[in-house]
Amino acid sequence: MKRGLPEFLDIELGQGGVFAKYTHSDVVLSLFVKSLTQGTCLSDLEIGEAKLAGQQFSPLPSPDTLDYVCQRLKQSNQVKTTIEGMVHELNYDNRGNALLVKLALKCNQLKPSDKRGYTLD
C-alpha cells in the first residue's frame, strides 16, 4: 500500500507467533475490510473475501484467526470500586490509543504543526 500501512502496523503491534501465517497488519486490514463490506460480525469476512477475491486484501485470515489475534492484543479490564461501593470496569488501552494517534498522523489526518491542538476523547 502506498503509505506503508502494513509495515507500520507490524512495527507498532509487533510480530505474531513464530508459526503465524498472518501478520498483525493482515488482521487489522481484515477488520477494515469487514467494515467496508458492511459486515457486522467476524464471520461476515467470508462474504467480504468473496467480494474482494484477487485484490490487495486477499487472502484474508479466517474469522477464528481474527478472534484469536484480537483476544491476544486486547487489554484486561480494571475493576474499581468507589467509596459508596459502586463497581466500575474500566479499560485503559493506552497502547491502542497511542497507535490510533500515530496512525492518524501517518495518514495526515492530524497535523502536529496545528497550533490549535487537538482534544482526543
C-alpha atoms as a PDB file:
ATOM      1  CA  MET A   1       0.000   0.000   0.000  1.00  0.00           C
ATOM      2  CA  LYS A   2       1.240   3.450  -0.808  1.00  0.00           C
ATOM      3  CA  ARG A   3       1.627   4.816   2.714  1.00  0.00           C
ATOM      4  CA  GLY A   4       3.292   1.702   4.076  1.00  0.00           C
ATOM      5  CA  LEU A   5       0.430   0.963   6.478  1.00  0.00           C
ATOM      6  CA  PRO A   6       1.022  -2.808   6.715  1.00  0.00           C
ATOM      7  CA  GLU A   7       4.673  -2.289   7.645  1.00  0.00           C
ATOM      8  CA  PHE A   8       3.747   0.493  10.075  1.00  0.00           C
ATOM      9  CA  LEU A   9       1.133  -1.696  11.801  1.00  0.00           C
ATOM     10  CA  ASP A  10       3.510  -4.653  12.050  1.00  0.00           C
ATOM     11  CA  ILE A  11       6.221  -2.493  13.612  1.00  0.00           C
ATOM     12  CA  GLU A  12       3.803  -0.927  16.109  1.00  0.00           C
ATOM     13  CA  LEU A  13       1.956  -4.130  17.053  1.00  0.00           C
ATOM     14  CA  GLY A  14       4.973  -6.421  16.933  1.00  0.00           C
ATOM     15  CA  GLN A  15       5.371  -9.822  15.395  1.00  0.00           C
ATOM     16  CA  GLY A  16       2.859 -12.621  15.722  1.00  0.00           C
ATOM     17  CA  GLY A  17       3.882 -16.082  16.791  1.00  0.00           C
ATOM     18  CA  VAL A  18       6.749 -17.896  15.097  1.00  0.00           C
ATOM     19  CA  PHE A  19       4.334 -20.111  13.164  1.00  0.00           C
ATOM     20  CA  ALA A  20       1.802 -17.374  12.425  1.00  0.00           C
ATOM     21  CA  LYS A  21       0.546 -17.460   8.859  1.00  0.00           C
ATOM     22  CA  TYR A  22      -0.815 -13.898   9.052  1.00  0.00           C
ATOM     23  CA  THR A  23       0.733 -10.689  10.353  1.00  0.00           C
ATOM     24  CA  HIS A  24      -0.916  -8.213  12.694  1.00  0.00           C
ATOM     25  CA  SER A  25      -1.412  -5.906   9.718  1.00  0.00           C
ATOM     26  CA  ASP A  26      -3.333  -8.693   7.944  1.00  0.00           C
ATOM     27  CA  VAL A  27      -5.658  -8.856  10.936  1.00  0.00           C
ATOM     28  CA  VAL A  28      -6.180  -5.088  11.208  1.00  0.00           C
ATOM     29  CA  LEU A  29      -6.737  -4.701   7.468  1.00  0.00           C
ATOM     30  CA  SER A  30      -9.188  -7.619   7.543  1.00  0.00           C
ATOM     31  CA  LEU A  31     -11.203  -5.812  10.183  1.00  0.00           C
ATOM     32  CA  PHE A  32     -11.127  -2.776   7.889  1.00  0.00           C
ATOM     33  CA  VAL A  33     -12.433  -4.932   5.026  1.00  0.00           C
ATOM     34  CA  LYS A  34     -15.209  -6.158   7.311  1.00  0.00           C
ATOM     35  CA  SER A  35     -16.229  -2.539   7.849  1.00  0.00           C
ATOM     36  CA  LEU A  36     -16.002  -1.669   4.149  1.00  0.00           C
ATOM     37  CA  THR A  37     -18.237  -4.582   3.205  1.00  0.00           C
ATOM     38  CA  GLN A  38     -20.713  -3.677   5.975  1.00  0.00           C
ATOM     39  CA  GLY A  39     -20.021  -6.822   7.946  1.00  0.00           C
ATOM     40  CA  THR A  40     -21.446  -6.929  11.445  1.00  0.00           C
ATOM     41  CA  CYS A  41     -19.579  -9.934  12.813  1.00  0.00           C
ATOM     42  CA  LEU A  42     -16.293 -11.693  12.114  1.00  0.00           C
ATOM     43  CA  SER A  43     -17.939 -14.481  10.105  1.00  0.00           C
ATOM     44  CA  ASP A  44     -19.067 -11.827   7.592  1.00  0.00           C
ATOM     45  CA  LEU A  45     -15.438 -11.707   6.424  1.00  0.00           C
ATOM     46  CA  GLU A  46     -16.127 -14.745   4.288  1.00  0.00           C
ATOM     47  CA  ILE A  47     -18.569 -12.610   2.268  1.00  0.00           C
ATOM     48  CA  GLY A  48     -16.018  -9.788   2.087  1.00  0.00           C
ATOM     49  CA  GLU A  49     -13.336 -12.155   0.871  1.00  0.00           C
ATOM     50  CA  ALA A  50     -15.584 -13.353  -1.947  1.00  0.00           C
ATOM     51  CA  LYS A  51     -16.220  -9.740  -2.985  1.00  0.00           C
ATOM     52  CA  LEU A  52     -12.504  -8.882  -2.924  1.00  0.00           C
ATOM     53  CA  ALA A  53     -11.053 -12.097  -4.384  1.00  0.00           C
ATOM     54  CA  GLY A  54      -7.706 -11.431  -6.061  1.00  0.00           C
ATOM     55  CA  GLN A  55      -7.424  -7.856  -4.810  1.00  0.00           C
ATOM     56  CA  GLN A  56      -4.913  -6.336  -2.415  1.00  0.00           C
ATOM     57  CA  PHE A  57      -6.730  -7.509   0.725  1.00  0.00           C
ATOM     58  CA  SER A  58      -6.830 -11.120  -0.344  1.00  0.00           C
ATOM     59  CA  PRO A  59      -6.448 -13.703   1.146  1.00  0.00           C
ATOM     60  CA  LEU A  60      -7.986 -12.782   4.484  1.00  0.00           C
ATOM     61  CA  PRO A  61      -7.477 -14.601   7.766  1.00  0.00           C
ATOM     62  CA  SER A  62     -10.356 -16.769   8.904  1.00  0.00           C
ATOM     63  CA  PRO A  63     -12.799 -15.401  11.493  1.00  0.00           C
ATOM     64  CA  ASP A  64     -11.302 -17.826  14.056  1.00  0.00           C
ATOM     65  CA  THR A  65      -7.807 -16.466  13.421  1.00  0.00           C
ATOM     66  CA  LEU A  66      -9.035 -12.885  13.732  1.00  0.00           C
ATOM     67  CA  ASP A  67     -10.753 -13.656  17.012  1.00  0.00           C
ATOM     68  CA  TYR A  68      -7.649 -15.382  18.388  1.00  0.00           C
ATOM     69  CA  VAL A  69      -5.317 -12.494  17.486  1.00  0.00           C
ATOM     70  CA  CYS A  70      -7.743  -9.844  18.756  1.00  0.00           C
ATOM     71  CA  GLN A  71      -8.045 -11.700  22.065  1.00  0.00           C
ATOM     72  CA  ARG A  72      -4.237 -11.703  22.363  1.00  0.00           C
ATOM     73  CA  LEU A  73      -3.987  -7.970  21.615  1.00  0.00           C
ATOM     74  CA  LYS A  74      -6.725  -6.756  23.941  1.00  0.00           C
ATOM     75  CA  GLN A  75      -6.062  -5.293  27.369  1.00  0.00           C
ATOM     76  CA  SER A  76      -7.649  -6.606  30.564  1.00  0.00           C
ATOM     77  CA  ASN A  77     -10.335  -4.584  32.289  1.00  0.00           C
ATOM     78  CA  GLN A  78      -9.555  -2.912  35.590  1.00  0.00           C
ATOM     79  CA  VAL A  79     -12.201  -3.088  38.288  1.00  0.00           C
ATOM     80  CA  LYS A  80     -12.538  -0.025  40.513  1.00  0.00           C
ATOM     81  CA  THR A  81     -14.900   0.275  43.452  1.00  0.00           C
ATOM     82  CA  THR A  82     -15.975   3.687  44.718  1.00  0.00           C
ATOM     83  CA  ILE A  83     -16.253   4.570  48.401  1.00  0.00           C
ATOM     84  CA  GLU A  84     -20.018   4.088  48.060  1.00  0.00           C
ATOM     85  CA  GLY A  85     -19.491   0.535  46.779  1.00  0.00           C
ATOM     86  CA  MET A  86     -20.260   1.233  43.092  1.00  0.00           C
ATOM     87  CA  VAL A  87     -18.203  -1.111  40.889  1.00  0.00           C
ATOM     88  CA  HIS A  88     -16.837   0.185  37.577  1.00  0.00           C
ATOM     89  CA  GLU A  89     -14.994  -1.794  34.934  1.00  0.00           C
ATOM     90  CA  LEU A  90     -12.527   0.354  33.026  1.00  0.00           C
ATOM     91  CA  ASN A  91     -10.296  -0.419  30.109  1.00  0.00           C
ATOM     92  CA  TYR A  92      -7.297   1.788  29.516  1.00  0.00           C
ATOM     93  CA  ASP A  93      -5.853   0.540  26.260  1.00  0.00           C
ATOM     94  CA  ASN A  94      -3.095   3.152  26.182  1.00  0.00           C
ATOM     95  CA  ARG A  95      -1.097   1.197  23.610  1.00  0.00           C
ATOM     96  CA  GLY A  96      -4.107   1.079  21.292  1.00  0.00           C
ATOM     97  CA  ASN A  97      -4.876   4.744  21.855  1.00  0.00           C
ATOM     98  CA  ALA A  98      -1.288   5.720  21.082  1.00  0.00           C
ATOM     99  CA  LEU A  99      -1.432   3.580  17.927  1.00  0.00           C
ATOM    100  CA  LEU A 100      -4.570   5.404  16.755  1.00  0.00           C
ATOM    101  CA  VAL A 101      -2.856   8.784  17.164  1.00  0.00           C
ATOM    102  CA  LYS A 102       0.269   7.576  15.327  1.00  0.00           C
ATOM    103  CA  LEU A 103      -1.918   6.148  12.569  1.00  0.00           C
ATOM    104  CA  ALA A 104      -3.834   9.435  12.230  1.00  0.00           C
ATOM    105  CA  LEU A 105      -0.515  11.299  11.970  1.00  0.00           C
ATOM    106  CA  LYS A 106       0.842   8.839   9.403  1.00  0.00           C
ATOM    107  CA  CYS A 107      -2.302   9.249   7.273  1.00  0.00           C
ATOM    108  CA  ASN A 108      -2.160  13.051   7.599  1.00  0.00           C
ATOM    109  CA  GLN A 109      -5.462  13.183   9.467  1.00  0.00           C
ATOM    110  CA  LEU A 110      -3.759  15.061  12.305  1.00  0.00           C
ATOM    111  CA  LYS A 111      -1.079  17.656  11.781  1.00  0.00           C
ATOM    112  CA  PRO A 112       1.470  18.102  14.590  1.00  0.00           C
ATOM    113  CA  SER A 113       2.099  21.682  13.447  1.00  0.00           C
ATOM    114  CA  ASP A 114      -1.514  22.725  14.115  1.00  0.00           C
ATOM    115  CA  LYS A 115      -1.238  25.400  16.830  1.00  0.00           C
ATOM    116  CA  ARG A 116      -4.861  24.924  17.992  1.00  0.00           C
ATOM    117  CA  GLY A 117      -4.071  21.490  19.309  1.00  0.00           C
ATOM    118  CA  TYR A 118      -6.440  18.558  19.451  1.00  0.00           C
ATOM    119  CA  THR A 119      -8.753  17.187  22.088  1.00  0.00           C
ATOM    120  CA  LEU A 120      -8.833  13.408  21.711  1.00  0.00           C
ATOM    121  CA  ASP A 121     -11.529  11.840  23.819  1.00  0.00           C
END
